[in-house]
Amino acid sequence: MNDDIKQAHLIQKSEEASLIRQMCDTPGFKLLNNKFEEKIKKATKLIIDMNTPEEKVRDLRQKIHVWTEVTSMLKSLMLTGDYASKIMRDLEDLDTQTTPVTNGQGELQ
């Protein structure tokens, strides 16, 4: 990959993270997240209960898995974007911190 493509990819990942973060900060998403957390707590209690039928336990585990997969994906997208932003900042810092080469630099005397 050439540098322009790499830079475009980093920018895209950074922008995706920003959009996901904005979405997660909305009141609607926070409400949805709270509802799912309540459902997960209830489902977990039922899974732990020895009287819950095996079929019901499997169903509950699948439902929990779906939401945890979604939240993991959102976290992954945000972390990927954060690292992409960090890489871009580090590259900018390297570009601005160039030192002039002088005669004999690094040579043994």
C-alpha atoms as a PDB file:
ATOM      1  CA  MET A   1       0.000   0.000   0.000  1.00  0.00           C
ATOM      2  CA  ASN A   2       1.362   3.413  -0.836  1.00  0.00           C
ATOM      3  CA  ASP A   3       1.400   6.224   1.714  1.00  0.00           C
ATOM      4  CA  ASP A   4      -1.654   8.026   0.286  1.00  0.00           C
ATOM      5  CA  ILE A   5      -3.795   4.897   0.520  1.00  0.00           C
ATOM      6  CA  LYS A   6      -2.567   4.220   4.061  1.00  0.00           C
ATOM      7  CA  GLN A   7      -3.338   7.807   5.064  1.00  0.00           C
ATOM      8  CA  ALA A   8      -6.827   7.601   3.524  1.00  0.00           C
ATOM      9  CA  HIS A   9      -7.459   4.323   5.375  1.00  0.00           C
ATOM     10  CA  LEU A  10      -6.369   5.868   8.693  1.00  0.00           C
ATOM     11  CA  ILE A  11      -8.587   8.887   8.112  1.00  0.00           C
ATOM     12  CA  GLN A  12     -11.550   6.643   7.274  1.00  0.00           C
ATOM     13  CA  LYS A  13     -11.089   4.603  10.472  1.00  0.00           C
ATOM     14  CA  SER A  14     -10.762   7.772  12.535  1.00  0.00           C
ATOM     15  CA  GLU A  15     -13.951   9.227  11.038  1.00  0.00           C
ATOM     16  CA  GLU A  16     -15.837   5.954  11.624  1.00  0.00           C
ATOM     17  CA  ALA A  17     -14.830   6.031  15.293  1.00  0.00           C
ATOM     18  CA  SER A  18     -16.043   9.605  15.595  1.00  0.00           C
ATOM     19  CA  LEU A  19     -19.418   8.722  14.082  1.00  0.00           C
ATOM     20  CA  ILE A  20     -19.843   5.652  16.308  1.00  0.00           C
ATOM     21  CA  ARG A  21     -18.908   7.682  19.390  1.00  0.00           C
ATOM     22  CA  GLN A  22     -21.457  10.361  18.441  1.00  0.00           C
ATOM     23  CA  MET A  23     -24.133   7.698  17.989  1.00  0.00           C
ATOM     24  CA  CYS A  24     -23.333   6.086  21.347  1.00  0.00           C
ATOM     25  CA  ASP A  25     -23.615   9.466  23.078  1.00  0.00           C
ATOM     26  CA  THR A  26     -27.188  10.060  21.924  1.00  0.00           C
ATOM     27  CA  PRO A  27     -29.980   9.762  24.501  1.00  0.00           C
ATOM     28  CA  GLY A  28     -31.744   7.170  22.331  1.00  0.00           C
ATOM     29  CA  PHE A  29     -28.730   4.883  22.215  1.00  0.00           C
ATOM     30  CA  LYS A  30     -28.154   5.256  25.957  1.00  0.00           C
ATOM     31  CA  LEU A  31     -31.787   4.295  26.551  1.00  0.00           C
ATOM     32  CA  LEU A  32     -31.453   1.297  24.245  1.00  0.00           C
ATOM     33  CA  ASN A  33     -28.220   0.238  25.933  1.00  0.00           C
ATOM     34  CA  ASN A  34     -29.842   0.453  29.387  1.00  0.00           C
ATOM     35  CA  LYS A  35     -32.776  -1.673  28.220  1.00  0.00           C
ATOM     36  CA  PHE A  36     -30.434  -4.331  26.870  1.00  0.00           C
ATOM     37  CA  GLU A  37     -28.385  -4.308  30.066  1.00  0.00           C
ATOM     38  CA  GLU A  38     -31.591  -4.903  32.069  1.00  0.00           C
ATOM     39  CA  LYS A  39     -32.521  -7.788  29.773  1.00  0.00           C
ATOM     40  CA  ILE A  40     -29.044  -9.278  30.096  1.00  0.00           C
ATOM     41  CA  LYS A  41     -29.228  -9.122  33.901  1.00  0.00           C
ATOM     42  CA  LYS A  42     -32.612 -10.837  33.910  1.00  0.00           C
ATOM     43  CA  ALA A  43     -31.453 -13.452  31.411  1.00  0.00           C
ATOM     44  CA  THR A  44     -28.295 -14.120  33.402  1.00  0.00           C
ATOM     45  CA  LYS A  45     -30.344 -14.731  36.546  1.00  0.00           C
ATOM     46  CA  LEU A  46     -32.515 -17.208  34.632  1.00  0.00           C
ATOM     47  CA  ILE A  47     -29.476 -18.958  33.159  1.00  0.00           C
ATOM     48  CA  ILE A  48     -27.977 -19.388  36.621  1.00  0.00           C
ATOM     49  CA  ASP A  49     -31.252 -20.711  38.028  1.00  0.00           C
ATOM     50  CA  MET A  50     -31.123 -24.509  38.005  1.00  0.00           C
ATOM     51  CA  ASN A  51     -34.894 -24.682  37.387  1.00  0.00           C
ATOM     52  CA  THR A  52     -34.684 -22.979  33.991  1.00  0.00           C
ATOM     53  CA  PRO A  53     -35.212 -25.512  31.178  1.00  0.00           C
ATOM     54  CA  GLU A  54     -32.223 -26.197  28.919  1.00  0.00           C
ATOM     55  CA  GLU A  55     -34.078 -24.923  25.840  1.00  0.00           C
ATOM     56  CA  LYS A  56     -34.768 -21.603  27.545  1.00  0.00           C
ATOM     57  CA  VAL A  57     -31.121 -21.332  28.644  1.00  0.00           C
ATOM     58  CA  ARG A  58     -29.926 -21.827  25.038  1.00  0.00           C
ATOM     59  CA  ASP A  59     -32.370 -19.193  23.809  1.00  0.00           C
ATOM     60  CA  LEU A  60     -31.268 -16.716  26.455  1.00  0.00           C
ATOM     61  CA  ARG A  61     -27.586 -17.312  25.712  1.00  0.00           C
ATOM     62  CA  GLN A  62     -28.178 -16.594  22.024  1.00  0.00           C
ATOM     63  CA  LYS A  63     -29.938 -13.333  22.837  1.00  0.00           C
ATOM     64  CA  ILE A  64     -27.170 -12.266  25.203  1.00  0.00           C
ATOM     65  CA  HIS A  65     -24.564 -13.187  22.615  1.00  0.00           C
ATOM     66  CA  VAL A  66     -26.156 -10.941  19.977  1.00  0.00           C
ATOM     67  CA  TRP A  67     -26.081  -7.826  22.142  1.00  0.00           C
ATOM     68  CA  THR A  68     -22.589  -8.461  23.478  1.00  0.00           C
ATOM     69  CA  GLU A  69     -21.409  -8.986  19.899  1.00  0.00           C
ATOM     70  CA  VAL A  70     -22.903  -5.628  18.874  1.00  0.00           C
ATOM     71  CA  THR A  71     -21.348  -3.768  21.810  1.00  0.00           C
ATOM     72  CA  SER A  72     -17.990  -5.469  21.192  1.00  0.00           C
ATOM     73  CA  MET A  73     -18.118  -4.406  17.560  1.00  0.00           C
ATOM     74  CA  LEU A  74     -18.866  -0.798  18.529  1.00  0.00           C
ATOM     75  CA  LYS A  75     -15.991  -0.777  21.018  1.00  0.00           C
ATOM     76  CA  SER A  76     -13.678  -2.310  18.423  1.00  0.00           C
ATOM     77  CA  LEU A  77     -14.596   0.321  15.828  1.00  0.00           C
ATOM     78  CA  MET A  78     -13.942   3.105  18.330  1.00  0.00           C
ATOM     79  CA  LEU A  79     -10.602   1.643  19.446  1.00  0.00           C
ATOM     80  CA  THR A  80      -9.494   1.095  15.856  1.00  0.00           C
ATOM     81  CA  GLY A  81     -10.328   4.705  15.056  1.00  0.00           C
ATOM     82  CA  ASP A  82      -8.571   5.950  18.177  1.00  0.00           C
ATOM     83  CA  TYR A  83      -5.421   4.058  17.211  1.00  0.00           C
ATOM     84  CA  ALA A  84      -5.675   5.336  13.648  1.00  0.00           C
ATOM     85  CA  SER A  85      -5.838   8.898  15.002  1.00  0.00           C
ATOM     86  CA  LYS A  86      -2.846   8.218  17.243  1.00  0.00           C
ATOM     87  CA  ILE A  87      -0.834   6.845  14.316  1.00  0.00           C
ATOM     88  CA  MET A  88      -1.666   9.946  12.259  1.00  0.00           C
ATOM     89  CA  ARG A  89      -0.612  12.240  15.144  1.00  0.00           C
ATOM     90  CA  ASP A  90       2.617  10.285  15.609  1.00  0.00           C
ATOM     91  CA  LEU A  91       3.371  10.520  11.893  1.00  0.00           C
ATOM     92  CA  GLU A  92       2.730  14.278  11.955  1.00  0.00           C
ATOM     93  CA  ASP A  93       5.050  14.618  14.956  1.00  0.00           C
ATOM     94  CA  LEU A  94       7.764  12.718  13.101  1.00  0.00           C
ATOM     95  CA  ASP A  95       7.393  15.011  10.096  1.00  0.00           C
ATOM     96  CA  THR A  96       7.760  18.142  12.240  1.00  0.00           C
ATOM     97  CA  GLN A  97      10.675  16.830  14.282  1.00  0.00           C
ATOM     98  CA  THR A  98      13.200  16.344  11.521  1.00  0.00           C
ATOM     99  CA  THR A  99      16.775  17.113  12.468  1.00  0.00           C
ATOM    100  CA  PRO A 100      19.248  18.406   9.942  1.00  0.00           C
ATOM    101  CA  VAL A 101      22.037  16.033   9.000  1.00  0.00           C
ATOM    102  CA  THR A 102      25.506  17.381   9.632  1.00  0.00           C
ATOM    103  CA  ASN A 103      28.827  16.162   8.289  1.00  0.00           C
ATOM    104  CA  GLY A 104      30.217  13.287  10.287  1.00  0.00           C
ATOM    105  CA  GLN A 105      27.007  12.590  12.178  1.00  0.00           C
ATOM    106  CA  GLY A 106      27.100   9.075  13.568  1.00  0.00           C
ATOM    107  CA  GLU A 107      30.675   8.418  12.506  1.00  0.00           C
ATOM    108  CA  LEU A 108      33.305   7.155  14.906  1.00  0.00           C
ATOM    109  CA  GLN A 109      36.215   9.505  15.438  1.00  0.00           C
END
